[in-house]
């Protein structure tokens, strides 16, 4: 069983994203955190411990938006991941 822990936020194209580290997994779960709506899981950035991390979208209604912004989302996730692993190893 893994438990998510809130890790970081970023704003992409005016939308706030929450990144959550997943214990014992090289991925971050991403939640759309619109202040006027209930938060909705966007998906995950996986394979963060490799040179080829990738976005996996779990919200079909957000697929076009996520594809348009995938490079920025993955880049933000990589930055968060580096910070998390630096804190764990430091």
PDB file of N, CA and C in Angstrom:
ATOM      1  N   UNK A   1       0.849  -1.171   0.000  1.00  0.00           N
ATOM      2  CA  UNK A   1       0.000   0.000   0.000  1.00  0.00           C
ATOM      3  C   UNK A   1       0.893   1.231   0.000  1.00  0.00           C
ATOM      4  N   UNK A   2       0.527   2.231  -0.785  1.00  0.00           N
ATOM      5  CA  UNK A   2       1.294   3.470  -0.784  1.00  0.00           C
ATOM      6  C   UNK A   2       0.392   4.621  -0.364  1.00  0.00           C
ATOM      7  N   UNK A   3       0.992   5.596   0.265  1.00  0.00           N
ATOM      8  CA  UNK A   3       0.256   6.757   0.717  1.00  0.00           C
ATOM      9  C   UNK A   3       0.827   7.989   0.051  1.00  0.00           C
ATOM     10  N   UNK A   4      -0.034   8.872  -0.423  1.00  0.00           N
ATOM     11  CA  UNK A   4       0.411  10.096  -1.070  1.00  0.00           C
ATOM     12  C   UNK A   4       0.680  11.157  -0.019  1.00  0.00           C
ATOM     13  N   UNK A   5       1.668  11.967  -0.282  1.00  0.00           N
ATOM     14  CA  UNK A   5       1.979  13.099   0.580  1.00  0.00           C
ATOM     15  C   UNK A   5       2.097  14.336  -0.301  1.00  0.00           C
ATOM     16  N   UNK A   6       1.328  15.371   0.033  1.00  0.00           N
ATOM     17  CA  UNK A   6       1.368  16.606  -0.724  1.00  0.00           C
ATOM     18  C   UNK A   6       2.802  17.113  -0.760  1.00  0.00           C
ATOM     19  N   UNK A   7       3.293  17.467  -1.941  1.00  0.00           N
ATOM     20  CA  UNK A   7       4.689  17.812  -2.107  1.00  0.00           C
ATOM     21  C   UNK A   7       4.913  19.241  -2.594  1.00  0.00           C
ATOM     22  N   UNK A   8       4.228  19.653  -3.663  1.00  0.00           N
ATOM     23  CA  UNK A   8       4.498  20.968  -4.253  1.00  0.00           C
ATOM     24  C   UNK A   8       3.326  21.413  -5.117  1.00  0.00           C
ATOM     25  N   UNK A   9       3.333  22.685  -5.476  1.00  0.00           N
ATOM     26  CA  UNK A   9       2.355  23.215  -6.419  1.00  0.00           C
ATOM     27  C   UNK A   9       3.083  23.979  -7.510  1.00  0.00           C
ATOM     28  N   UNK A  10       2.435  24.099  -8.644  1.00  0.00           N
ATOM     29  CA  UNK A  10       2.946  24.895  -9.760  1.00  0.00           C
ATOM     30  C   UNK A  10       1.741  25.424 -10.520  1.00  0.00           C
ATOM     31  N   UNK A  11       1.937  26.511 -11.214  1.00  0.00           N
ATOM     32  CA  UNK A  11       0.883  27.062 -12.056  1.00  0.00           C
ATOM     33  C   UNK A  11       1.309  26.885 -13.505  1.00  0.00           C
ATOM     34  N   UNK A  12       0.453  26.224 -14.273  1.00  0.00           N
ATOM     35  CA  UNK A  12       0.697  25.985 -15.696  1.00  0.00           C
ATOM     36  C   UNK A  12      -0.496  26.540 -16.458  1.00  0.00           C
ATOM     37  N   UNK A  13      -0.243  27.472 -17.341  1.00  0.00           N
ATOM     38  CA  UNK A  13      -1.306  28.081 -18.150  1.00  0.00           C
ATOM     39  C   UNK A  13      -2.460  28.590 -17.279  1.00  0.00           C
ATOM     40  N   UNK A  14      -2.100  29.188 -16.153  1.00  0.00           N
ATOM     41  CA  UNK A  14      -3.107  29.749 -15.265  1.00  0.00           C
ATOM     42  C   UNK A  14      -3.827  28.759 -14.381  1.00  0.00           C
ATOM     43  N   UNK A  15      -3.465  27.494 -14.458  1.00  0.00           N
ATOM     44  CA  UNK A  15      -4.119  26.465 -13.642  1.00  0.00           C
ATOM     45  C   UNK A  15      -3.137  25.946 -12.596  1.00  0.00           C
ATOM     46  N   UNK A  16      -3.619  25.861 -11.362  1.00  0.00           N
ATOM     47  CA  UNK A  16      -2.771  25.381 -10.269  1.00  0.00           C
ATOM     48  C   UNK A  16      -2.771  23.857 -10.249  1.00  0.00           C
ATOM     49  N   UNK A  17      -1.566  23.307 -10.207  1.00  0.00           N
ATOM     50  CA  UNK A  17      -1.384  21.857 -10.135  1.00  0.00           C
ATOM     51  C   UNK A  17      -0.741  21.504  -8.803  1.00  0.00           C
ATOM     52  N   UNK A  18      -1.258  20.480  -8.157  1.00  0.00           N
ATOM     53  CA  UNK A  18      -0.637  19.935  -6.946  1.00  0.00           C
ATOM     54  C   UNK A  18       0.103  18.667  -7.348  1.00  0.00           C
ATOM     55  N   UNK A  19       1.329  18.546  -6.893  1.00  0.00           N
ATOM     56  CA  UNK A  19       2.138  17.362  -7.127  1.00  0.00           C
ATOM     57  C   UNK A  19       2.243  16.597  -5.818  1.00  0.00           C
ATOM     58  N   UNK A  20       2.003  15.308  -5.868  1.00  0.00           N
ATOM     59  CA  UNK A  20       2.066  14.455  -4.680  1.00  0.00           C
ATOM     60  C   UNK A  20       3.047  13.322  -4.915  1.00  0.00           C
ATOM     61  N   UNK A  21       4.009  13.207  -4.018  1.00  0.00           N
ATOM     62  CA  UNK A  21       4.961  12.098  -4.095  1.00  0.00           C
ATOM     63  C   UNK A  21       4.275  10.828  -3.631  1.00  0.00           C
ATOM     64  N   UNK A  22       4.549   9.752  -4.317  1.00  0.00           N
ATOM     65  CA  UNK A  22       3.994   8.454  -3.974  1.00  0.00           C
ATOM     66  C   UNK A  22       5.118   7.629  -3.330  1.00  0.00           C
ATOM     67  N   UNK A  23       4.904   7.191  -2.106  1.00  0.00           N
ATOM     68  CA  UNK A  23       5.916   6.466  -1.360  1.00  0.00           C
ATOM     69  C   UNK A  23       6.351   5.221  -2.130  1.00  0.00           C
ATOM     70  N   UNK A  24       7.659   5.069  -2.243  1.00  0.00           N
ATOM     71  CA  UNK A  24       8.295   3.920  -2.893  1.00  0.00           C
ATOM     72  C   UNK A  24       7.991   3.827  -4.395  1.00  0.00           C
ATOM     73  N   UNK A  25       7.631   4.929  -5.022  1.00  0.00           N
ATOM     74  CA  UNK A  25       7.375   4.941  -6.457  1.00  0.00           C
ATOM     75  C   UNK A  25       8.069   6.154  -7.081  1.00  0.00           C
ATOM     76  N   UNK A  26       8.609   5.985  -8.268  1.00  0.00           N
ATOM     77  CA  UNK A  26       9.267   7.084  -8.979  1.00  0.00           C
ATOM     78  C   UNK A  26       8.245   7.804  -9.850  1.00  0.00           C
ATOM     79  N   UNK A  27       7.216   8.327  -9.197  1.00  0.00           N
ATOM     80  CA  UNK A  27       6.181   9.074  -9.909  1.00  0.00           C
ATOM     81  C   UNK A  27       5.571  10.110  -8.988  1.00  0.00           C
ATOM     82  N   UNK A  28       4.980  11.105  -9.604  1.00  0.00           N
ATOM     83  CA  UNK A  28       4.236  12.116  -8.873  1.00  0.00           C
ATOM     84  C   UNK A  28       2.819  12.135  -9.410  1.00  0.00           C
ATOM     85  N   UNK A  29       1.852  12.089  -8.512  1.00  0.00           N
ATOM     86  CA  UNK A  29       0.456  12.229  -8.919  1.00  0.00           C
ATOM     87  C   UNK A  29       0.156  13.714  -9.034  1.00  0.00           C
ATOM     88  N   UNK A  30      -0.624  14.078 -10.044  1.00  0.00           N
ATOM     89  CA  UNK A  30      -0.933  15.480 -10.291  1.00  0.00           C
ATOM     90  C   UNK A  30      -2.433  15.691 -10.168  1.00  0.00           C
ATOM     91  N   UNK A  31      -2.787  16.700  -9.373  1.00  0.00           N
ATOM     92  CA  UNK A  31      -4.178  17.062  -9.167  1.00  0.00           C
ATOM     93  C   UNK A  31      -4.390  18.493  -9.639  1.00  0.00           C
ATOM     94  N   UNK A  32      -5.460  18.714 -10.394  1.00  0.00           N
ATOM     95  CA  UNK A  32      -5.852  20.067 -10.767  1.00  0.00           C
ATOM     96  C   UNK A  32      -6.542  20.681  -9.566  1.00  0.00           C
ATOM     97  N   UNK A  33      -6.082  21.816  -9.132  1.00  0.00           N
ATOM     98  CA  UNK A  33      -6.624  22.445  -7.931  1.00  0.00           C
ATOM     99  C   UNK A  33      -7.261  23.778  -8.292  1.00  0.00           C
ATOM    100  N   UNK A  34      -8.389  23.723  -8.962  1.00  0.00           N
ATOM    101  CA  UNK A  34      -9.119  24.935  -9.300  1.00  0.00           C
ATOM    102  C   UNK A  34      -9.821  25.442  -8.054  1.00  0.00           C
ATOM    103  N   UNK A  35      -9.625  26.714  -7.697  1.00  0.00           N
ATOM    104  CA  UNK A  35     -10.198  27.214  -6.444  1.00  0.00           C
ATOM    105  C   UNK A  35     -11.725  27.221  -6.419  1.00  0.00           C
ATOM    106  N   UNK A  36     -12.360  27.213  -7.556  1.00  0.00           N
ATOM    107  CA  UNK A  36     -13.823  27.275  -7.602  1.00  0.00           C
ATOM    108  C   UNK A  36     -14.466  25.905  -7.789  1.00  0.00           C
ATOM    109  N   UNK A  37     -13.658  24.867  -7.910  1.00  0.00           N
ATOM    110  CA  UNK A  37     -14.173  23.512  -8.103  1.00  0.00           C
ATOM    111  C   UNK A  37     -13.458  22.553  -7.165  1.00  0.00           C
ATOM    112  N   UNK A  38     -14.023  21.374  -7.033  1.00  0.00           N
ATOM    113  CA  UNK A  38     -13.362  20.315  -6.280  1.00  0.00           C
ATOM    114  C   UNK A  38     -12.133  19.860  -7.062  1.00  0.00           C
ATOM    115  N   UNK A  39     -11.053  19.552  -6.365  1.00  0.00           N
ATOM    116  CA  UNK A  39      -9.830  19.099  -7.027  1.00  0.00           C
ATOM    117  C   UNK A  39     -10.088  17.817  -7.801  1.00  0.00           C
ATOM    118  N   UNK A  40      -9.408  17.691  -8.926  1.00  0.00           N
ATOM    119  CA  UNK A  40      -9.605  16.550  -9.815  1.00  0.00           C
ATOM    120  C   UNK A  40      -8.242  15.995 -10.213  1.00  0.00           C
ATOM    121  N   UNK A  41      -8.075  14.688 -10.129  1.00  0.00           N
ATOM    122  CA  UNK A  41      -6.806  14.070 -10.519  1.00  0.00           C
ATOM    123  C   UNK A  41      -6.613  14.229 -12.023  1.00  0.00           C
ATOM    124  N   UNK A  42      -5.482  14.794 -12.407  1.00  0.00           N
ATOM    125  CA  UNK A  42      -5.124  14.916 -13.815  1.00  0.00           C
ATOM    126  C   UNK A  42      -4.450  13.641 -14.293  1.00  0.00           C
ATOM    127  N   UNK A  43      -3.550  13.119 -13.482  1.00  0.00           N
ATOM    128  CA  UNK A  43      -2.814  11.909 -13.846  1.00  0.00           C
ATOM    129  C   UNK A  43      -1.522  11.828 -13.066  1.00  0.00           C
ATOM    130  N   UNK A  44      -0.487  11.289 -13.704  1.00  0.00           N
ATOM    131  CA  UNK A  44       0.814  11.129 -13.056  1.00  0.00           C
ATOM    132  C   UNK A  44       1.929  11.366 -14.057  1.00  0.00           C
ATOM    133  N   UNK A  45       3.063  11.809 -13.528  1.00  0.00           N
ATOM    134  CA  UNK A  45       4.299  11.779 -14.297  1.00  0.00           C
ATOM    135  C   UNK A  45       5.070  10.593 -13.748  1.00  0.00           C
ATOM    136  N   UNK A  46       5.385   9.663 -14.641  1.00  0.00           N
ATOM    137  CA  UNK A  46       6.015   8.399 -14.240  1.00  0.00           C
ATOM    138  C   UNK A  46       7.457   8.341 -14.747  1.00  0.00           C
ATOM    139  N   UNK A  47       8.186   7.346 -14.264  1.00  0.00           N
ATOM    140  CA  UNK A  47       9.578   7.099 -14.661  1.00  0.00           C
ATOM    141  C   UNK A  47      10.478   8.287 -14.337  1.00  0.00           C
ATOM    142  N   UNK A  48      10.241   8.926 -13.195  1.00  0.00           N
ATOM    143  CA  UNK A  48      11.046  10.084 -12.817  1.00  0.00           C
ATOM    144  C   UNK A  48      12.480   9.714 -12.441  1.00  0.00           C
ATOM    145  N   UNK A  49      12.747   8.447 -12.258  1.00  0.00           N
ATOM    146  CA  UNK A  49      14.101   7.998 -11.961  1.00  0.00           C
ATOM    147  C   UNK A  49      14.859   7.586 -13.219  1.00  0.00           C
ATOM    148  N   UNK A  50      14.328   7.959 -14.387  1.00  0.00           N
ATOM    149  CA  UNK A  50      14.968   7.652 -15.667  1.00  0.00           C
ATOM    150  C   UNK A  50      15.161   8.942 -16.468  1.00  0.00           C
ATOM    151  N   UNK A  51      15.768   8.815 -17.619  1.00  0.00           N
ATOM    152  CA  UNK A  51      15.970   9.969 -18.506  1.00  0.00           C
ATOM    153  C   UNK A  51      14.728  10.266 -19.351  1.00  0.00           C
ATOM    154  N   UNK A  52      13.697   9.417 -19.243  1.00  0.00           N
ATOM    155  CA  UNK A  52      12.512   9.597 -20.082  1.00  0.00           C
ATOM    156  C   UNK A  52      11.213   9.573 -19.269  1.00  0.00           C
ATOM    157  N   UNK A  53      11.026  10.549 -18.381  1.00  0.00           N
ATOM    158  CA  UNK A  53       9.761  10.603 -17.655  1.00  0.00           C
ATOM    159  C   UNK A  53       8.622  10.926 -18.613  1.00  0.00           C
ATOM    160  N   UNK A  54       7.414  10.509 -18.254  1.00  0.00           N
ATOM    161  CA  UNK A  54       6.280  10.757 -19.139  1.00  0.00           C
ATOM    162  C   UNK A  54       5.006  11.031 -18.380  1.00  0.00           C
ATOM    163  N   UNK A  55       4.142  11.819 -18.993  1.00  0.00           N
ATOM    164  CA  UNK A  55       2.847  12.162 -18.414  1.00  0.00           C
ATOM    165  C   UNK A  55       1.815  11.120 -18.822  1.00  0.00           C
ATOM    166  N   UNK A  56       1.070  10.629 -17.848  1.00  0.00           N
ATOM    167  CA  UNK A  56      -0.047   9.726 -18.083  1.00  0.00           C
ATOM    168  C   UNK A  56      -1.297  10.426 -17.571  1.00  0.00           C
ATOM    169  N   UNK A  57      -2.224  10.714 -18.465  1.00  0.00           N
ATOM    170  CA  UNK A  57      -3.420  11.474 -18.121  1.00  0.00           C
ATOM    171  C   UNK A  57      -4.551  10.521 -17.749  1.00  0.00           C
ATOM    172  N   UNK A  58      -5.175  10.775 -16.601  1.00  0.00           N
ATOM    173  CA  UNK A  58      -6.272   9.937 -16.115  1.00  0.00           C
ATOM    174  C   UNK A  58      -7.621  10.628 -16.241  1.00  0.00           C
ATOM    175  N   UNK A  59      -7.618  11.873 -16.669  1.00  0.00           N
ATOM    176  CA  UNK A  59      -8.852  12.658 -16.764  1.00  0.00           C
ATOM    177  C   UNK A  59      -9.162  12.919 -18.238  1.00  0.00           C
ATOM    178  N   UNK A  60     -10.043  12.137 -18.828  1.00  0.00           N
ATOM    179  CA  UNK A  60     -10.317  12.263 -20.263  1.00  0.00           C
ATOM    180  C   UNK A  60     -10.721  13.676 -20.699  1.00  0.00           C
ATOM    181  N   UNK A  61     -11.441  14.391 -19.869  1.00  0.00           N
ATOM    182  CA  UNK A  61     -11.867  15.741 -20.238  1.00  0.00           C
ATOM    183  C   UNK A  61     -10.713  16.739 -20.247  1.00  0.00           C
ATOM    184  N   UNK A  62      -9.582  16.364 -19.667  1.00  0.00           N
ATOM    185  CA  UNK A  62      -8.411  17.238 -19.610  1.00  0.00           C
ATOM    186  C   UNK A  62      -7.320  16.825 -20.595  1.00  0.00           C
ATOM    187  N   UNK A  63      -7.590  15.816 -21.416  1.00  0.00           N
ATOM    188  CA  UNK A  63      -6.564  15.252 -22.291  1.00  0.00           C
ATOM    189  C   UNK A  63      -5.965  16.278 -23.242  1.00  0.00           C
ATOM    190  N   UNK A  64      -6.773  17.052 -23.926  1.00  0.00           N
ATOM    191  CA  UNK A  64      -6.239  18.042 -24.868  1.00  0.00           C
ATOM    192  C   UNK A  64      -5.383  19.084 -24.160  1.00  0.00           C
ATOM    193  N   UNK A  65      -5.882  19.599 -23.030  1.00  0.00           N
ATOM    194  CA  UNK A  65      -5.117  20.594 -22.277  1.00  0.00           C
ATOM    195  C   UNK A  65      -3.790  19.999 -21.805  1.00  0.00           C
ATOM    196  N   UNK A  66      -3.826  18.790 -21.275  1.00  0.00           N
ATOM    197  CA  UNK A  66      -2.619  18.143 -20.761  1.00  0.00           C
ATOM    198  C   UNK A  66      -1.609  17.879 -21.882  1.00  0.00           C
ATOM    199  N   UNK A  67      -2.072  17.455 -23.033  1.00  0.00           N
ATOM    200  CA  UNK A  67      -1.157  17.235 -24.165  1.00  0.00           C
ATOM    201  C   UNK A  67      -0.496  18.538 -24.592  1.00  0.00           C
ATOM    202  N   UNK A  68      -1.282  19.603 -24.640  1.00  0.00           N
ATOM    203  CA  UNK A  68      -0.744  20.910 -25.035  1.00  0.00           C
ATOM    204  C   UNK A  68       0.346  21.371 -24.072  1.00  0.00           C
ATOM    205  N   UNK A  69       0.214  21.043 -22.804  1.00  0.00           N
ATOM    206  CA  UNK A  69       1.138  21.540 -21.779  1.00  0.00           C
ATOM    207  C   UNK A  69       2.021  20.442 -21.190  1.00  0.00           C
ATOM    208  N   UNK A  70       2.103  19.307 -21.861  1.00  0.00           N
ATOM    209  CA  UNK A  70       2.821  18.163 -21.284  1.00  0.00           C
ATOM    210  C   UNK A  70       4.292  18.457 -21.018  1.00  0.00           C
ATOM    211  N   UNK A  71       4.964  19.180 -21.902  1.00  0.00           N
ATOM    212  CA  UNK A  71       6.387  19.464 -21.675  1.00  0.00           C
ATOM    213  C   UNK A  71       6.591  20.262 -20.392  1.00  0.00           C
ATOM    214  N   UNK A  72       5.752  21.258 -20.173  1.00  0.00           N
ATOM    215  CA  UNK A  72       5.875  22.080 -18.966  1.00  0.00           C
ATOM    216  C   UNK A  72       5.513  21.263 -17.724  1.00  0.00           C
ATOM    217  N   UNK A  73       4.466  20.459 -17.810  1.00  0.00           N
ATOM    218  CA  UNK A  73       4.046  19.636 -16.673  1.00  0.00           C
ATOM    219  C   UNK A  73       5.150  18.655 -16.294  1.00  0.00           C
ATOM    220  N   UNK A  74       5.730  17.985 -17.282  1.00  0.00           N
ATOM    221  CA  UNK A  74       6.808  17.029 -17.007  1.00  0.00           C
ATOM    222  C   UNK A  74       8.023  17.758 -16.448  1.00  0.00           C
ATOM    223  N   UNK A  75       8.361  18.910 -17.003  1.00  0.00           N
ATOM    224  CA  UNK A  75       9.491  19.690 -16.505  1.00  0.00           C
ATOM    225  C   UNK A  75       9.294  20.094 -15.043  1.00  0.00           C
ATOM    226  N   UNK A  76       8.099  20.542 -14.701  1.00  0.00           N
ATOM    227  CA  UNK A  76       7.789  20.880 -13.307  1.00  0.00           C
ATOM    228  C   UNK A  76       7.916  19.645 -12.420  1.00  0.00           C
ATOM    229  N   UNK A  77       7.407  18.518 -12.881  1.00  0.00           N
ATOM    230  CA  UNK A  77       7.479  17.278 -12.099  1.00  0.00           C
ATOM    231  C   UNK A  77       8.930  16.853 -11.881  1.00  0.00           C
ATOM    232  N   UNK A  78       9.753  16.969 -12.905  1.00  0.00           N
ATOM    233  CA  UNK A  78      11.175  16.616 -12.769  1.00  0.00           C
ATOM    234  C   UNK A  78      11.832  17.511 -11.719  1.00  0.00           C
ATOM    235  N   UNK A  79      11.519  18.790 -11.746  1.00  0.00           N
ATOM    236  CA  UNK A  79      12.068  19.725 -10.764  1.00  0.00           C
ATOM    237  C   UNK A  79      11.632  19.353  -9.344  1.00  0.00           C
ATOM    238  N   UNK A  80      10.357  19.040  -9.185  1.00  0.00           N
ATOM    239  CA  UNK A  80       9.846  18.623  -7.873  1.00  0.00           C
ATOM    240  C   UNK A  80      10.533  17.329  -7.439  1.00  0.00           C
ATOM    241  N   UNK A  81      10.653  16.378  -8.354  1.00  0.00           N
ATOM    242  CA  UNK A  81      11.274  15.085  -8.043  1.00  0.00           C
ATOM    243  C   UNK A  81      12.718  15.276  -7.585  1.00  0.00           C
ATOM    244  N   UNK A  82      13.461  16.126  -8.282  1.00  0.00           N
ATOM    245  CA  UNK A  82      14.854  16.385  -7.891  1.00  0.00           C
ATOM    246  C   UNK A  82      14.913  16.975  -6.488  1.00  0.00           C
ATOM    247  N   UNK A  83      13.996  17.860  -6.178  1.00  0.00           N
ATOM    248  CA  UNK A  83      13.948  18.460  -4.851  1.00  0.00           C
ATOM    249  C   UNK A  83      13.632  17.410  -3.785  1.00  0.00           C
ATOM    250  N   UNK A  84      12.681  16.547  -4.082  1.00  0.00           N
ATOM    251  CA  UNK A  84      12.295  15.490  -3.133  1.00  0.00           C
ATOM    252  C   UNK A  84      13.455  14.539  -2.897  1.00  0.00           C
ATOM    253  N   UNK A  85      14.084  14.095  -3.952  1.00  0.00           N
ATOM    254  CA  UNK A  85      15.177  13.110  -3.795  1.00  0.00           C
ATOM    255  C   UNK A  85      16.406  13.756  -3.165  1.00  0.00           C
ATOM    256  N   UNK A  86      16.639  15.037  -3.447  1.00  0.00           N
ATOM    257  CA  UNK A  86      17.762  15.745  -2.818  1.00  0.00           C
ATOM    258  C   UNK A  86      17.523  15.820  -1.300  1.00  0.00           C
ATOM    259  N   UNK A  87      16.295  16.104  -0.900  1.00  0.00           N
ATOM    260  CA  UNK A  87      15.970  16.184   0.525  1.00  0.00           C
ATOM    261  C   UNK A  87      16.130  14.825   1.200  1.00  0.00           C
ATOM    262  N   UNK A  88      15.773  13.759   0.489  1.00  0.00           N
ATOM    263  CA  UNK A  88      15.872  12.409   1.052  1.00  0.00           C
ATOM    264  C   UNK A  88      17.338  11.948   1.148  1.00  0.00           C
ATOM    265  N   UNK A  89      18.155  12.352   0.178  1.00  0.00           N
ATOM    266  CA  UNK A  89      19.533  11.913   0.138  1.00  0.00           C
ATOM    267  C   UNK A  89      20.475  12.842   0.889  1.00  0.00           C
ATOM    268  N   UNK A  90      20.006  14.028   1.203  1.00  0.00           N
ATOM    269  CA  UNK A  90      20.876  15.045   1.799  1.00  0.00           C
ATOM    270  C   UNK A  90      20.949  14.908   3.250  1.00  0.00           C
TER     271      UNK A  90
END
